[in-house]
Every structure is written in C-alpha cells, then in structure tokens.
Protein backbone atom coordinates (compact mmCIF):
# COMPACT_ATOMS: atom_id res chain seq x y z
CA MET A 1 0.34 24.77 -1.22
CA PRO A 2 0.35 27.22 -4.06
CA LYS A 3 -1.86 26.36 -7.00
CA SER A 4 1.28 26.08 -9.17
CA ASN A 5 2.36 22.98 -7.23
CA ARG A 6 -0.92 21.27 -8.07
CA SER A 7 -0.55 22.05 -11.76
CA TYR A 8 3.11 20.96 -11.68
CA PHE A 9 2.63 17.66 -9.81
CA GLY A 10 -0.99 17.01 -10.85
CA PRO A 11 -0.26 15.22 -14.15
CA ALA A 12 2.24 12.92 -12.44
CA LEU A 13 -0.23 12.22 -9.64
CA TYR A 14 -3.07 11.39 -12.03
CA THR A 15 -0.74 9.19 -14.08
CA VAL A 16 0.28 7.26 -10.96
CA ILE A 17 -3.36 6.82 -9.94
CA LEU A 18 -4.22 5.55 -13.41
CA LEU A 19 -1.25 3.16 -13.33
CA ARG A 20 -2.32 1.90 -9.89
CA ILE A 21 -5.64 0.97 -11.50
CA ILE A 22 -4.09 -0.69 -14.58
CA VAL A 23 -0.97 -2.43 -13.21
CA PRO A 24 -2.82 -5.08 -11.14
CA PHE A 25 -4.02 -6.66 -14.38
CA LEU A 26 -0.40 -7.70 -14.98
CA ILE A 27 -0.66 -10.13 -12.06
CA PHE A 28 -2.13 -12.83 -14.30
CA LYS A 29 0.85 -12.90 -16.68
CA TYR A 30 3.69 -11.32 -14.64
CA PRO A 31 2.80 -11.55 -10.94
CA LEU A 32 6.20 -10.49 -9.57
CA LEU A 33 6.38 -7.52 -11.94
CA ALA A 34 2.84 -6.55 -10.92
CA PHE A 35 3.89 -6.69 -7.27
CA ILE A 36 7.02 -4.58 -7.83
CA LEU A 37 5.21 -1.96 -9.90
CA SER A 38 2.29 -1.80 -7.47
CA PHE A 39 4.69 -1.40 -4.57
CA LEU A 40 6.65 1.39 -6.31
CA LEU A 41 3.54 3.26 -7.40
CA ASP A 42 2.09 2.96 -3.89
CA SER A 43 5.37 4.30 -2.53
CA ILE A 44 5.32 7.51 -4.55
CA ASP A 45 1.67 8.49 -4.62
CA GLY A 46 1.79 9.96 -1.11
CA GLN A 47 4.58 12.32 -2.10
CA LEU A 48 2.65 13.39 -5.20
CA PHE A 49 -0.55 13.98 -3.22
CA PHE A 50 1.42 15.99 -0.66
CA SER A 51 3.34 18.00 -3.25
CA SER A 52 0.09 18.73 -5.07
CA GLY A 53 -1.32 20.29 -1.91
CA PHE A 54 -3.96 17.68 -1.10
CA ARG A 55 -4.87 16.92 2.50
CA TRP A 56 -3.92 13.67 4.22
CA GLU A 57 -7.56 12.58 4.51
CA LEU A 58 -8.06 12.61 0.74
CA TYR A 59 -4.74 10.92 0.13
CA ASN A 60 -5.38 8.24 2.75
CA PHE A 61 -8.86 7.46 1.41
CA THR A 62 -7.67 7.31 -2.21
CA ASP A 63 -4.59 5.27 -1.31
CA LYS A 64 -6.57 2.70 0.67
CA LEU A 65 -9.15 2.41 -2.10
CA LEU A 66 -6.36 1.71 -4.60
CA ASP A 67 -4.77 -0.71 -2.12
CA LEU A 68 -8.06 -2.61 -1.91
CA TRP A 69 -8.15 -2.79 -5.71
CA TRP A 70 -4.67 -4.38 -5.68
CA TYR A 71 -5.56 -6.75 -2.82
CA LEU A 72 -8.59 -8.02 -4.73
CA PHE A 73 -6.34 -8.90 -7.66
CA ILE A 74 -4.05 -10.76 -5.25
CA LEU A 75 -7.05 -12.76 -4.01
CA ILE A 76 -8.25 -13.52 -7.52
CA TYR A 77 -4.74 -14.68 -8.43
CA LEU A 78 -4.65 -16.94 -5.36
CA GLN A 79 -8.17 -18.31 -5.74
CA THR A 80 -6.97 -21.82 -6.54
CA ALA A 81 -3.94 -21.78 -4.24
CA ASN A 82 -3.79 -23.53 -0.89
CA VAL A 83 -3.25 -20.12 0.76
CA PHE A 84 -6.47 -18.56 -0.56
CA LEU A 85 -8.49 -18.80 2.66
CA LEU A 86 -5.64 -17.44 4.77
CA SER A 87 -5.15 -14.61 2.27
CA ALA A 88 -8.86 -13.78 2.39
CA ILE A 89 -8.72 -13.64 6.19
CA LEU A 90 -5.67 -11.35 6.04
CA LEU A 91 -7.53 -9.08 3.63
CA ILE A 92 -10.65 -8.95 5.80
CA TYR A 93 -8.55 -8.13 8.87
CA ARG A 94 -6.68 -5.36 7.03
CA MET A 95 -9.88 -3.90 5.57
CA THR A 96 -11.56 -3.90 8.98
CA GLY A 97 -8.65 -1.87 10.30
CA ILE A 98 -8.66 0.49 7.33
CA ILE A 99 -12.37 1.22 7.77
CA TYR A 100 -11.87 1.88 11.48
CA ILE A 101 -8.86 4.14 10.80
CA LEU A 102 -10.67 6.07 8.05
CA ILE A 103 -13.53 6.74 10.47
CA SER A 104 -11.39 7.50 13.54
CA LYS A 105 -8.63 9.33 11.59
CA LYS A 106 -6.01 7.77 13.88
CA GLU A 107 -3.19 6.90 11.51
CA ARG A 108 -1.08 5.34 14.27
CA LEU A 109 -3.55 2.44 14.48
CA TYR A 110 -2.25 0.98 11.22
CA ILE A 111 0.33 -0.86 13.32
CA PHE A 112 -2.53 -2.95 14.79
CA PHE A 113 -3.87 -3.77 11.31
CA PRO A 114 -0.68 -4.43 9.36
CA ASN A 115 -0.59 -5.19 5.66
CA VAL A 116 0.44 -8.81 6.10
CA LEU A 117 -1.32 -9.92 2.91
CA GLU A 118 1.01 -8.11 0.52
CA TRP A 119 4.22 -9.41 2.13
CA PHE A 120 2.76 -12.90 2.47
CA PHE A 121 1.96 -12.79 -1.26
CA LEU A 122 5.51 -11.70 -2.08
CA ILE A 123 6.98 -14.62 -0.12
CA TYR A 124 4.51 -16.95 -1.84
CA LEU A 125 5.67 -15.68 -5.24
CA ILE A 126 9.40 -15.81 -4.59
CA PHE A 127 9.55 -18.87 -2.34
CA PRO A 128 6.47 -20.97 -3.12
CA GLN A 129 7.78 -23.96 -1.18
CA THR A 130 8.02 -22.02 2.09
CA GLU A 131 5.97 -23.39 4.94
CA ILE A 132 2.81 -21.32 5.31
CA VAL A 133 3.32 -20.68 9.02
CA LEU A 134 6.89 -19.49 8.48
CA ALA A 135 5.80 -17.22 5.61
CA LEU A 136 3.03 -15.83 7.79
CA ILE A 137 5.37 -15.13 10.71
CA ILE A 138 7.94 -13.40 8.50
CA SER A 139 5.21 -11.40 6.76
CA PHE A 140 3.63 -10.39 10.05
CA PHE A 141 6.81 -9.03 11.62
CA TRP A 142 7.91 -7.30 8.42
CA ALA A 143 4.44 -5.72 8.01
CA ILE A 144 4.51 -4.46 11.61
CA PHE A 145 7.92 -2.88 10.95
CA VAL A 146 6.71 -1.22 7.73
CA GLU A 147 3.57 0.14 9.43
CA TRP A 148 5.69 1.54 12.25
CA LEU A 149 8.15 3.06 9.78
CA VAL A 150 5.50 4.78 7.66
CA HIS A 151 2.70 5.60 10.10
CA ILE A 152 4.44 6.12 13.43
CA SER A 153 8.02 7.19 12.74
CA LYS A 154 6.82 8.98 9.55
CA PHE A 155 9.91 7.87 7.64
CA HIS A 156 9.31 8.03 3.92
CA LEU A 157 12.38 6.66 2.14
CA LEU A 158 11.51 7.79 -1.38
CA SER A 159 10.43 11.24 -0.24
CA LYS A 160 13.60 11.82 1.70
CA TYR A 161 16.18 10.39 -0.69
CA ILE A 162 14.58 10.54 -4.14
CA PHE A 163 12.28 13.56 -3.97
CA ARG A 164 14.54 15.34 -1.45
CA ASP A 165 11.43 16.45 0.40
CA GLU A 166 9.77 15.55 3.67
CA ILE A 167 6.09 14.80 3.91
CA LYS A 168 4.56 16.74 6.79
CA TRP A 169 0.83 16.30 6.46
CA LYS A 170 -1.53 18.85 7.96
CA TYR A 171 -4.28 17.00 9.76
CA LYS A 172 -7.70 18.48 10.51
C-alpha cells in the first residue's frame, strides 16, 4: 500500500484501537451498549488495518489482544453470575485456540475454536432467563457460522457494503 493510505486511514485506525481499549469499561453501567460498540469496533478494525497497508499477522495479533481485553471485562462483569465458570471455560478454550493459531498462522482453524463466549454473553444480556444449555447451543452454532463466514469464506460485510472494498490480505 502506498504510504498515503497509511496517513489517510491511520488516524481512524488508531482511534478505533483506542476506543476498543476504552469501550469495555462501559460494561459496568451499560453492558448491552458496551457489547454493541465492541462488536462494531471489532468489525471495522480489520478494514482499517488493511487499508492502512498493515500485514495480516500484525492485524490478527492486535485484534486478538484487544479481543482478550474485551473478554476479560465480560468475565469480570459475570464474576457473580451463575454462568461465570462456564464463561471462564469458554474463554480458556478460545484463548488456547488463538495462541495455537497465532503460532501456526493457520487462520482457517478459528472454526475449531469459535468465539462462543461473546455470543453466549449477548444471549445472557438480552434473555437472562434462557436455559444455560439452550443459550450455549445457540451461541455455539452461531459462533461456528461467524468463524466460517469471516475466516473461511472471507466474507466481510462491512468492508463489502460500507467501505465498498474487499479485504485481500497478503500472507507471508
């Protein structure tokens, strides 16, 4: 990418990164708003990294680090809930997969380590009376679909329809 792209998209990228660090603090007062904002910011940072000319490896590492930051806030929020232990297990499973994928650089493996925690948390927020097993099943299948969509089919909704651009990462 030309240097001009980095200077054009750079401020937006750094703003989104900063917001991804700050927004999780909203979870304690406005948990659903924190979820929505975190989701939206997570959805656009890849496009900004790509448009700025950064490589996939740097984006993936930064994104997963910021994801972990968000997941820790989810766990802290749930620390007194009856779903805390299950949420901690989901986080550990996801983080194990992320570490393996960061080392192996095999993006397609995300489908085997889906982000169930985030979707489980959303169901917990919107429908707190839902049976845990049902919420887990719904979250699991939705997370598998999302991982397939993003990491295997490479479909990026916001990039295609909002940014009018396609992300085609160059891998080492």
